[in-house]
Amino acid sequence: LSGIGVENDLTAVEKVLVQARTAIDYYTPRAARAELNDRFVAGLARLLKDAEPGSDKQVLVAKALIGAVRAGEGAALIAGWLEGEEVPAGLAVDTGMRWSIVSALAKLGAIGEDRIAAELERDNTSAGAENAAGAAAALPDADTKAQAWALATDEPGVPNETHRAICMGFWRFGQDEVLEPYPAAYLDLLGRISRR
C-alpha cells in the first residue's frame, strides 16, 4: 500500500494491487485473512481519498477497493456509489464500474436477483447480459449456485462470453458452505467428459 501511494507507473500499480489480493486470498492462512483484508480495505480507502480526482490511478484503487469490500460499512459505501452517494470527487461510476459494484455486492449477498435485473435493464446490451449472468452466479445462495452450475455445465447454447462470466462469478472466496458440493461435482464432470 505504501508503494502504491508513490508509484506512477499504472501497470505496476495494477499488478501490485492484483498481487496483494492474490496474497490475501490464496497465500494467507484462513484465520488471518479477515484481519489482513480489513487492513487492505483501510489502506485502499486512504489511497482513494488521496488519489488525483479523475485519474487512472483513482480508478484502479477504486476497483481494488470494490473487490476487497467484505461487508458492513464498505458494502454500504459502494452500494451508495450506484445511487451517486459519496462518490469520490472525479470518479466516474460508468457502466463497467457499476457492474464491478453489482458483482461485489452480489458476492456478499448484499443484493439479490432483482437488483441485478434492474442493472441489466439499465445496461440492456450483450455485455450487460454477460455481467448480469456473472453477478447472478456470484450470489451466495444454494439455488442460484445450482442454476449457475447447470448453465455452465449442461447448457450448450450459452454464449461463450456469458459462459465465461458465469464461471468467473461462480467460485468466490467466503462462500465455502454453499460451494461445498461442487469440487466433487467438478471431478464427476471431468470424468464424464473424459469418458466421451
Protein backbone atom coordinates (compact mmCIF):
# COMPACT_ATOMS: atom_id res chain seq x y z
CA LEU A 1 0.00 0.00 0.00
CA SER A 2 2.81 2.40 0.78
CA GLY A 3 4.43 1.65 -2.57
CA ILE A 4 1.22 2.25 -4.50
CA GLY A 5 0.91 5.68 -2.92
CA VAL A 6 4.10 6.88 -4.60
CA GLU A 7 4.11 4.70 -7.75
CA ASN A 8 3.34 6.49 -11.03
CA ASP A 9 3.58 3.50 -13.39
CA LEU A 10 -0.04 2.41 -13.72
CA THR A 11 0.90 -1.09 -14.86
CA ALA A 12 2.91 -1.52 -11.68
CA VAL A 13 0.03 -0.17 -9.58
CA GLU A 14 -2.42 -2.58 -11.18
CA LYS A 15 -0.09 -5.58 -10.82
CA VAL A 16 0.72 -4.83 -7.16
CA LEU A 17 -3.00 -4.50 -6.34
CA VAL A 18 -3.74 -7.84 -8.02
CA GLN A 19 -0.79 -9.47 -6.26
CA ALA A 20 -1.95 -8.13 -2.88
CA ARG A 21 -5.45 -9.54 -3.48
CA THR A 22 -3.94 -12.89 -4.51
CA ALA A 23 -1.69 -12.95 -1.45
CA ILE A 24 -4.63 -12.35 0.87
CA ASP A 25 -6.93 -14.90 -0.77
CA TYR A 26 -4.50 -17.69 -1.65
CA TYR A 27 -1.39 -17.43 0.49
CA THR A 28 -2.64 -16.20 3.86
CA PRO A 29 -3.86 -18.69 6.48
CA ARG A 30 -7.67 -18.65 6.67
CA ALA A 31 -7.62 -17.42 10.26
CA ALA A 32 -5.66 -14.30 9.26
CA ARG A 33 -7.48 -13.39 6.03
CA ALA A 34 -10.24 -11.23 7.51
CA GLU A 35 -7.87 -9.09 9.55
CA LEU A 36 -5.45 -8.69 6.65
CA ASN A 37 -8.29 -7.82 4.29
CA ASP A 38 -9.56 -5.18 6.75
CA ARG A 39 -6.09 -3.60 6.73
CA PHE A 40 -6.07 -3.73 2.93
CA VAL A 41 -9.51 -2.07 2.69
CA ALA A 42 -8.49 0.68 5.12
CA GLY A 43 -5.31 1.33 3.16
CA LEU A 44 -7.19 1.40 -0.14
CA ALA A 45 -9.68 3.86 1.32
CA ARG A 46 -6.79 6.17 2.27
CA LEU A 47 -5.23 5.81 -1.17
CA LEU A 48 -8.57 6.55 -2.83
CA LYS A 49 -9.01 9.67 -0.73
CA ASP A 50 -5.53 10.88 -1.74
CA ALA A 51 -5.77 9.92 -5.43
CA GLU A 52 -5.96 12.66 -8.01
CA PRO A 53 -9.62 13.11 -8.98
CA GLY A 54 -10.39 11.67 -12.40
CA SER A 55 -7.03 9.90 -12.69
CA ASP A 56 -6.50 6.37 -13.92
CA LYS A 57 -4.84 5.60 -10.60
CA GLN A 58 -8.05 6.63 -8.83
CA VAL A 59 -10.00 4.15 -10.97
CA LEU A 60 -7.54 1.31 -10.25
CA VAL A 61 -7.67 1.93 -6.49
CA ALA A 62 -11.48 2.22 -6.56
CA LYS A 63 -11.81 -1.11 -8.38
CA ALA A 64 -9.43 -2.76 -5.91
CA LEU A 65 -11.50 -1.36 -3.04
CA ILE A 66 -14.74 -2.61 -4.60
CA GLY A 67 -13.23 -6.09 -4.92
CA ALA A 68 -11.86 -6.06 -1.36
CA VAL A 69 -15.00 -4.98 0.49
CA ARG A 70 -16.39 -7.83 2.55
CA ALA A 71 -19.42 -6.40 4.39
CA GLY A 72 -20.76 -3.67 6.63
CA GLU A 73 -19.83 -0.06 6.02
CA GLY A 74 -17.75 -0.87 2.95
CA ALA A 75 -20.64 -2.61 1.24
CA ALA A 76 -22.97 0.26 2.12
CA LEU A 77 -20.45 2.76 0.76
CA ILE A 78 -20.03 1.11 -2.63
CA ALA A 79 -23.79 0.46 -2.86
CA GLY A 80 -24.24 4.21 -2.39
CA TRP A 81 -21.97 4.85 -5.37
CA LEU A 82 -24.61 3.21 -7.57
CA GLU A 83 -27.00 5.95 -6.44
CA GLY A 84 -24.41 8.73 -6.76
CA GLU A 85 -23.90 8.97 -3.00
CA GLU A 86 -20.47 9.75 -1.51
CA VAL A 87 -18.70 9.07 -4.80
CA PRO A 88 -15.09 10.27 -4.58
CA ALA A 89 -14.57 13.52 -6.47
CA GLY A 90 -13.75 12.86 -10.11
CA LEU A 91 -14.53 9.13 -10.02
CA ALA A 92 -16.74 8.18 -12.95
CA VAL A 93 -19.15 5.43 -11.96
CA ASP A 94 -19.58 4.29 -15.53
CA THR A 95 -21.16 1.06 -16.77
CA GLY A 96 -18.06 -1.04 -16.11
CA MET A 97 -17.67 0.36 -12.59
CA ARG A 98 -21.35 -0.21 -11.90
CA TRP A 99 -21.07 -3.88 -12.87
CA SER A 100 -17.98 -4.25 -10.66
CA ILE A 101 -20.02 -2.90 -7.75
CA VAL A 102 -23.07 -5.06 -8.54
CA SER A 103 -20.89 -8.18 -8.76
CA ALA A 104 -19.14 -7.36 -5.49
CA LEU A 105 -22.45 -6.78 -3.71
CA ALA A 106 -23.92 -9.97 -5.21
CA LYS A 107 -20.93 -11.98 -3.95
CA LEU A 108 -21.64 -10.64 -0.44
CA GLY A 109 -25.36 -11.39 -0.68
CA ALA A 110 -25.97 -7.66 -0.16
CA ILE A 111 -28.22 -7.56 -3.23
CA GLY A 112 -30.39 -10.12 -4.97
CA GLU A 113 -31.54 -11.10 -8.41
CA ASP A 114 -33.99 -8.18 -8.55
CA ARG A 115 -31.17 -5.62 -8.22
CA ILE A 116 -29.11 -7.47 -10.83
CA ALA A 117 -32.13 -7.44 -13.18
CA ALA A 118 -32.56 -3.71 -12.59
CA GLU A 119 -28.93 -3.12 -13.54
CA LEU A 120 -29.39 -5.25 -16.65
CA GLU A 121 -32.39 -3.13 -17.59
CA ARG A 122 -30.13 -0.08 -17.26
CA ASP A 123 -27.46 -1.75 -19.47
CA ASN A 124 -29.55 -3.84 -21.85
CA THR A 125 -26.65 -4.93 -24.06
CA SER A 126 -24.90 -8.23 -24.68
CA ALA A 127 -22.13 -7.10 -22.31
CA GLY A 128 -24.80 -6.26 -19.74
CA ALA A 129 -26.30 -9.74 -20.08
CA GLU A 130 -22.86 -11.28 -19.59
CA ASN A 131 -22.20 -9.18 -16.49
CA ALA A 132 -25.65 -9.97 -15.09
CA ALA A 133 -25.05 -13.71 -15.55
CA GLY A 134 -21.72 -13.43 -13.73
CA ALA A 135 -23.24 -11.41 -10.89
CA ALA A 136 -26.08 -13.91 -10.50
CA ALA A 137 -23.55 -16.76 -10.36
CA ALA A 138 -21.78 -14.93 -7.52
CA LEU A 139 -24.83 -14.88 -5.25
CA PRO A 140 -24.15 -16.97 -2.10
CA ASP A 141 -27.35 -18.97 -2.37
CA ALA A 142 -27.67 -22.71 -2.99
CA ASP A 143 -30.43 -22.34 -5.60
CA THR A 144 -28.63 -19.67 -7.64
CA LYS A 145 -25.38 -21.66 -7.46
CA ALA A 146 -27.25 -24.72 -8.77
CA GLN A 147 -28.73 -22.67 -11.61
CA ALA A 148 -25.32 -21.24 -12.48
CA TRP A 149 -23.74 -24.70 -12.36
CA ALA A 150 -26.40 -26.05 -14.71
CA LEU A 151 -25.86 -23.17 -17.14
CA ALA A 152 -22.10 -23.68 -17.07
CA THR A 153 -22.14 -27.46 -17.41
CA ASP A 154 -25.40 -28.59 -19.04
CA GLU A 155 -26.45 -25.83 -21.45
CA PRO A 156 -24.58 -25.95 -24.76
CA GLY A 157 -26.48 -22.90 -26.05
CA VAL A 158 -24.97 -20.46 -23.55
CA PRO A 159 -22.84 -17.94 -25.50
CA ASN A 160 -19.09 -18.17 -24.86
CA GLU A 161 -18.70 -14.82 -23.08
CA THR A 162 -21.77 -15.47 -20.93
CA HIS A 163 -20.36 -18.89 -20.07
CA ARG A 164 -17.04 -17.30 -19.09
CA ALA A 165 -18.83 -14.71 -16.92
CA ILE A 166 -20.82 -17.42 -15.14
CA CYS A 167 -17.69 -19.45 -14.47
CA MET A 168 -15.77 -16.40 -13.21
CA GLY A 169 -18.65 -15.40 -10.94
CA PHE A 170 -19.36 -18.86 -9.60
CA TRP A 171 -16.39 -19.63 -7.33
CA ARG A 172 -15.95 -16.91 -4.70
CA PHE A 173 -13.91 -16.78 -1.51
CA GLY A 174 -16.01 -16.79 1.63
CA GLN A 175 -18.73 -19.00 0.14
CA ASP A 176 -17.27 -22.29 1.33
CA GLU A 177 -20.51 -23.68 2.71
CA VAL A 178 -22.64 -23.10 -0.40
CA LEU A 179 -19.82 -24.28 -2.68
CA GLU A 180 -19.08 -27.45 -0.68
CA PRO A 181 -20.73 -29.88 -3.15
CA TYR A 182 -19.04 -28.52 -6.25
CA PRO A 183 -15.47 -29.89 -6.10
CA ALA A 184 -16.92 -33.42 -6.28
CA ALA A 185 -19.37 -32.33 -8.99
CA TYR A 186 -16.46 -30.85 -10.95
CA LEU A 187 -14.47 -34.08 -10.74
CA ASP A 188 -17.56 -36.02 -11.82
CA LEU A 189 -17.97 -33.66 -14.79
CA LEU A 190 -14.35 -34.17 -15.80
CA GLY A 191 -14.86 -37.93 -15.64
CA ARG A 192 -17.91 -37.71 -17.87
CA ILE A 193 -16.03 -35.54 -20.37
CA SER A 194 -13.09 -37.96 -20.34
CA ARG A 195 -15.34 -40.97 -20.94
CA ARG A 196 -16.82 -39.33 -24.04
